Amino acid sequence: MHMSGESILVILLVGIVAGWLAGQIVRGTGFGLIGDLLVGILGALIGAWMLPRLGIQLGTGIIRAIVNSTIGAIVLLLVIRLVRGGASGRRGWR
């Protein structure tokens, strides 16, 4: 599989946006720019896998990619929060 430079750039931009949005929605789990990028990219994979299996179709084009990635990143951040034991330390959910 060959990806053009533009495709990689779009994936990175969607990952940054999705990771940042997920970090804003799920407070207390921000990982900085690089961490948010990784969470967003992993979230894109999770969202692209999970949402079609649930029969959920949200938007089209780049909006769909951002929404799916953000939902996947939120799921990933919630799992990370559960594994780490709360938002920061032992404070738990707000």
Protein backbone atom coordinates (compact mmCIF):
# COMPACT_ATOMS: atom_id res chain seq x y z
CA MET A 1 0.00 0.00 0.00
CA HIS A 2 1.42 3.35 -1.05
CA MET A 3 0.37 6.56 0.69
CA SER A 4 1.07 9.95 -0.77
CA GLY A 5 2.50 12.78 1.26
CA GLU A 6 -0.89 14.48 1.20
CA SER A 7 -2.60 11.40 2.67
CA ILE A 8 -0.10 11.23 5.51
CA LEU A 9 -0.54 14.96 6.17
CA VAL A 10 -4.34 14.59 6.31
CA ILE A 11 -4.04 11.64 8.71
CA LEU A 12 -1.71 13.63 10.97
CA LEU A 13 -3.96 16.71 10.93
CA VAL A 14 -7.07 14.66 11.65
CA GLY A 15 -5.16 12.88 14.43
CA ILE A 16 -4.11 16.17 16.00
CA VAL A 17 -7.63 17.60 15.83
CA ALA A 18 -9.24 14.41 17.13
CA GLY A 19 -6.68 13.98 19.90
CA TRP A 20 -7.07 17.60 20.99
CA LEU A 21 -10.89 17.38 20.93
CA ALA A 22 -10.86 14.15 22.90
CA GLY A 23 -8.46 15.70 25.42
CA GLN A 24 -10.86 18.63 25.87
CA ILE A 25 -13.88 16.35 26.27
CA VAL A 26 -12.15 13.88 28.62
CA ARG A 27 -10.44 16.31 30.97
CA GLY A 28 -7.34 15.40 32.94
CA THR A 29 -5.77 13.03 30.42
CA GLY A 30 -3.90 15.40 28.10
CA PHE A 31 -0.59 14.03 26.83
CA GLY A 32 0.81 17.07 25.00
CA LEU A 33 0.97 17.54 21.24
CA ILE A 34 2.78 14.28 20.40
CA GLY A 35 0.69 12.24 22.83
CA ASP A 36 -2.54 13.78 21.54
CA LEU A 37 -1.43 13.02 17.98
CA LEU A 38 -0.82 9.37 18.86
CA VAL A 39 -4.11 9.12 20.75
CA GLY A 40 -5.89 10.71 17.78
CA ILE A 41 -4.32 8.31 15.27
CA LEU A 42 -5.09 5.30 17.45
CA GLY A 43 -8.56 6.76 17.99
CA ALA A 44 -9.02 6.96 14.22
CA LEU A 45 -8.28 3.26 13.97
CA ILE A 46 -10.61 2.44 16.85
CA GLY A 47 -13.39 4.68 15.50
CA ALA A 48 -13.05 3.33 11.96
CA TRP A 49 -13.31 -0.21 13.31
CA MET A 50 -15.96 0.28 16.01
CA LEU A 51 -18.55 2.65 14.52
CA PRO A 52 -19.40 0.68 11.34
CA ARG A 53 -19.87 -2.46 13.45
CA LEU A 54 -22.38 -0.55 15.57
CA GLY A 55 -24.16 0.69 12.44
CA ILE A 56 -23.31 4.34 13.12
CA GLN A 57 -22.79 6.67 10.12
CA LEU A 58 -21.81 10.22 11.09
CA GLY A 59 -21.15 12.87 8.42
CA THR A 60 -19.16 12.59 5.22
CA GLY A 61 -15.63 13.31 4.09
CA ILE A 62 -13.21 15.02 6.45
CA ILE A 63 -15.95 15.75 9.02
CA ARG A 64 -16.68 12.02 9.21
CA ALA A 65 -12.98 11.29 9.72
CA ILE A 66 -12.70 13.85 12.52
CA VAL A 67 -15.89 12.68 14.27
CA ASN A 68 -14.97 8.98 14.00
CA SER A 69 -11.42 9.68 15.18
CA THR A 70 -12.62 11.82 18.07
CA ILE A 71 -15.09 9.16 19.25
CA GLY A 72 -12.38 6.51 18.99
CA ALA A 73 -9.91 8.74 20.86
CA ILE A 74 -12.47 9.38 23.62
CA VAL A 75 -12.96 5.63 24.02
CA LEU A 76 -9.18 5.18 24.14
CA LEU A 77 -8.76 7.96 26.72
CA LEU A 78 -11.49 6.49 28.90
CA VAL A 79 -9.78 3.09 28.79
CA ILE A 80 -6.46 4.74 29.66
CA ARG A 81 -8.14 6.59 32.53
CA LEU A 82 -9.63 3.35 33.86
CA VAL A 83 -6.27 1.56 33.65
CA ARG A 84 -4.40 4.42 35.31
CA GLY A 85 -6.94 4.65 38.15
CA GLY A 86 -8.65 7.99 37.58
CA ALA A 87 -8.09 11.43 36.10
CA SER A 88 -5.13 12.41 38.22
CA GLY A 89 -4.14 10.12 40.98
CA ARG A 90 -7.15 8.79 42.86
CA ARG A 91 -9.61 11.62 42.19
CA GLY A 92 -11.83 9.51 39.90
CA TRP A 93 -14.62 10.71 37.63
CA ARG A 94 -16.02 14.22 37.77
